[in-house]
N, C-alpha and C. Protein backbone atom coordinates (compact mmCIF):
# COMPACT_ATOMS: atom_id res chain seq x y z
N MET A 1 30.31 62.41 29.19
CA MET A 1 30.26 61.03 29.62
C MET A 1 31.68 60.62 30.05
N SER A 2 31.75 59.98 31.20
CA SER A 2 33.06 59.56 31.70
C SER A 2 33.53 58.30 30.99
N THR A 3 34.80 58.02 31.14
CA THR A 3 35.38 56.82 30.54
C THR A 3 34.73 55.56 31.09
N ILE A 4 34.45 55.56 32.38
CA ILE A 4 33.83 54.39 33.01
C ILE A 4 32.44 54.16 32.43
N GLU A 5 31.67 55.24 32.25
CA GLU A 5 30.32 55.09 31.68
C GLU A 5 30.38 54.57 30.25
N SER A 6 31.31 55.09 29.46
CA SER A 6 31.40 54.62 28.07
C SER A 6 31.85 53.17 28.00
N GLU A 7 32.69 52.72 28.92
CA GLU A 7 33.10 51.31 28.97
C GLU A 7 31.92 50.42 29.33
N LYS A 8 31.06 50.87 30.25
CA LYS A 8 29.87 50.10 30.62
C LYS A 8 28.95 49.94 29.43
N ILE A 9 28.78 51.00 28.65
CA ILE A 9 27.91 50.95 27.47
C ILE A 9 28.49 49.97 26.45
N LYS A 10 29.80 50.01 26.24
CA LYS A 10 30.44 49.08 25.30
C LYS A 10 30.22 47.65 25.73
N ASP A 11 30.34 47.37 27.04
CA ASP A 11 30.16 46.01 27.54
C ASP A 11 28.73 45.52 27.33
N GLN A 12 27.76 46.44 27.42
CA GLN A 12 26.36 46.04 27.29
C GLN A 12 25.94 45.85 25.84
N MET A 13 26.65 46.46 24.91
CA MET A 13 26.29 46.34 23.50
C MET A 13 26.67 44.96 22.98
N GLU A 14 25.78 44.40 22.24
CA GLU A 14 26.01 43.07 21.66
C GLU A 14 26.67 43.24 20.30
N ARG A 15 27.74 42.52 20.08
CA ARG A 15 28.43 42.56 18.78
C ARG A 15 27.59 41.79 17.77
N LEU A 16 27.36 42.39 16.62
CA LEU A 16 26.63 41.74 15.54
C LEU A 16 27.61 41.37 14.44
N LEU A 17 27.43 40.18 13.88
CA LEU A 17 28.29 39.68 12.82
C LEU A 17 27.50 39.57 11.53
N SER A 18 28.15 39.86 10.43
CA SER A 18 27.53 39.61 9.13
C SER A 18 27.49 38.10 8.92
N VAL A 19 26.73 37.67 7.94
CA VAL A 19 26.66 36.25 7.63
C VAL A 19 28.06 35.74 7.24
N SER A 20 28.78 36.53 6.50
CA SER A 20 30.13 36.15 6.09
C SER A 20 31.06 35.98 7.29
N GLU A 21 31.02 36.93 8.23
CA GLU A 21 31.85 36.84 9.43
C GLU A 21 31.48 35.62 10.27
N ALA A 22 30.18 35.40 10.42
CA ALA A 22 29.71 34.26 11.21
C ALA A 22 30.12 32.94 10.55
N ALA A 23 29.99 32.86 9.24
CA ALA A 23 30.37 31.64 8.52
C ALA A 23 31.86 31.35 8.71
N ASP A 24 32.68 32.39 8.65
CA ASP A 24 34.12 32.21 8.89
C ASP A 24 34.39 31.65 10.27
N ARG A 25 33.74 32.21 11.27
CA ARG A 25 33.97 31.76 12.65
C ARG A 25 33.45 30.35 12.89
N LEU A 26 32.38 29.98 12.18
CA LEU A 26 31.80 28.65 12.34
C LEU A 26 32.48 27.61 11.45
N GLY A 27 33.23 28.08 10.47
CA GLY A 27 33.90 27.14 9.56
C GLY A 27 32.95 26.48 8.59
N VAL A 28 31.90 27.22 8.18
CA VAL A 28 30.93 26.70 7.22
C VAL A 28 30.83 27.69 6.06
N SER A 29 30.19 27.26 4.99
CA SER A 29 30.01 28.16 3.85
C SER A 29 28.87 29.14 4.14
N ILE A 30 28.91 30.23 3.41
CA ILE A 30 27.85 31.23 3.53
C ILE A 30 26.51 30.62 3.13
N TYR A 31 26.54 29.78 2.10
CA TYR A 31 25.30 29.16 1.60
C TYR A 31 24.69 28.23 2.64
N PHE A 32 25.55 27.44 3.31
CA PHE A 32 25.05 26.56 4.37
C PHE A 32 24.42 27.39 5.48
N LEU A 33 25.10 28.47 5.86
CA LEU A 33 24.59 29.31 6.95
C LEU A 33 23.26 29.96 6.56
N TYR A 34 23.14 30.42 5.33
CA TYR A 34 21.86 30.98 4.88
C TYR A 34 20.74 29.94 4.94
N ARG A 35 21.03 28.71 4.58
CA ARG A 35 20.01 27.64 4.67
C ARG A 35 19.58 27.43 6.11
N GLN A 36 20.53 27.48 7.04
CA GLN A 36 20.20 27.31 8.45
C GLN A 36 19.36 28.49 8.95
N LEU A 37 19.68 29.68 8.49
CA LEU A 37 18.90 30.86 8.87
C LEU A 37 17.48 30.76 8.32
N GLU A 38 17.35 30.36 7.06
CA GLU A 38 16.04 30.23 6.43
C GLU A 38 15.17 29.19 7.14
N SER A 39 15.79 28.11 7.61
CA SER A 39 15.04 27.05 8.28
C SER A 39 14.69 27.42 9.73
N GLY A 40 15.29 28.50 10.23
CA GLY A 40 15.00 28.91 11.60
C GLY A 40 15.88 28.25 12.65
N LYS A 41 16.85 27.45 12.23
CA LYS A 41 17.73 26.78 13.18
C LYS A 41 18.67 27.75 13.89
N ILE A 42 18.94 28.88 13.23
CA ILE A 42 19.81 29.90 13.78
C ILE A 42 19.05 31.21 13.77
N LYS A 43 19.13 31.95 14.87
CA LYS A 43 18.45 33.24 14.97
C LYS A 43 19.30 34.33 14.31
N SER A 44 18.61 35.32 13.76
CA SER A 44 19.30 36.47 13.18
C SER A 44 18.36 37.67 13.24
N VAL A 45 18.93 38.83 12.97
CA VAL A 45 18.14 40.04 12.85
C VAL A 45 18.39 40.61 11.46
N LYS A 46 17.40 41.29 10.95
CA LYS A 46 17.55 41.88 9.63
C LYS A 46 17.45 43.40 9.80
N ILE A 47 18.48 44.08 9.37
CA ILE A 47 18.51 45.54 9.41
C ILE A 47 18.68 46.01 7.98
N GLY A 48 17.63 46.58 7.45
CA GLY A 48 17.63 46.94 6.03
C GLY A 48 17.73 45.66 5.22
N LYS A 49 18.72 45.59 4.35
CA LYS A 49 18.93 44.39 3.54
C LYS A 49 19.91 43.42 4.20
N ARG A 50 20.54 43.87 5.28
CA ARG A 50 21.57 43.05 5.92
C ARG A 50 20.98 42.10 6.94
N ARG A 51 21.44 40.87 6.94
CA ARG A 51 21.07 39.90 7.96
C ARG A 51 22.28 39.76 8.87
N LEU A 52 22.05 39.92 10.17
CA LEU A 52 23.15 39.91 11.14
C LEU A 52 22.86 38.89 12.24
N LEU A 53 23.92 38.33 12.77
CA LEU A 53 23.82 37.35 13.85
C LEU A 53 24.50 37.91 15.09
N ARG A 54 23.90 37.64 16.24
CA ARG A 54 24.52 38.08 17.49
C ARG A 54 25.72 37.19 17.78
N TRP A 55 26.80 37.79 18.24
CA TRP A 55 28.01 37.04 18.57
C TRP A 55 27.71 35.98 19.62
N SER A 56 26.85 36.28 20.59
CA SER A 56 26.54 35.30 21.64
C SER A 56 25.86 34.07 21.04
N ASP A 57 25.02 34.24 20.01
CA ASP A 57 24.38 33.09 19.36
C ASP A 57 25.41 32.27 18.59
N VAL A 58 26.33 32.94 17.91
CA VAL A 58 27.38 32.23 17.16
C VAL A 58 28.28 31.47 18.13
N ARG A 59 28.61 32.11 19.24
CA ARG A 59 29.45 31.47 20.26
C ARG A 59 28.76 30.22 20.82
N GLU A 60 27.44 30.31 21.00
CA GLU A 60 26.67 29.16 21.49
C GLU A 60 26.70 28.01 20.48
N ILE A 61 26.60 28.34 19.20
CA ILE A 61 26.67 27.31 18.16
C ILE A 61 28.04 26.65 18.17
N ILE A 62 29.08 27.45 18.32
CA ILE A 62 30.43 26.91 18.38
C ILE A 62 30.55 25.96 19.56
N GLN A 63 29.97 26.34 20.68
CA GLN A 63 30.08 25.55 21.91
C GLN A 63 29.23 24.27 21.86
N PHE A 64 28.00 24.40 21.39
CA PHE A 64 27.05 23.27 21.49
C PHE A 64 26.66 22.67 20.16
N GLY A 65 27.04 23.27 19.05
CA GLY A 65 26.66 22.77 17.74
C GLY A 65 25.28 23.25 17.34
N LEU A 66 24.84 22.85 16.16
CA LEU A 66 23.54 23.29 15.65
C LEU A 66 22.38 22.55 16.31
N GLU A 67 22.61 21.35 16.78
CA GLU A 67 21.54 20.57 17.40
C GLU A 67 21.46 20.95 18.88
N ARG A 68 20.52 21.84 19.20
CA ARG A 68 20.38 22.29 20.60
C ARG A 68 19.24 21.62 21.27
């Protein structure tokens, strides 16, 4: 695989954040973020026991807030 191809793949991959990382970036507590996830206000994916948030979703929350 060439360097250009591997860079394209990296660009297409979505960065996933743990709840802790997302809470830090949003400036909220982990508990508040879990409540928002449980209520469905914020989307997440669950892989095994881990709940992860897409960076693009967190960035959208930062930009527009929780009330969309």
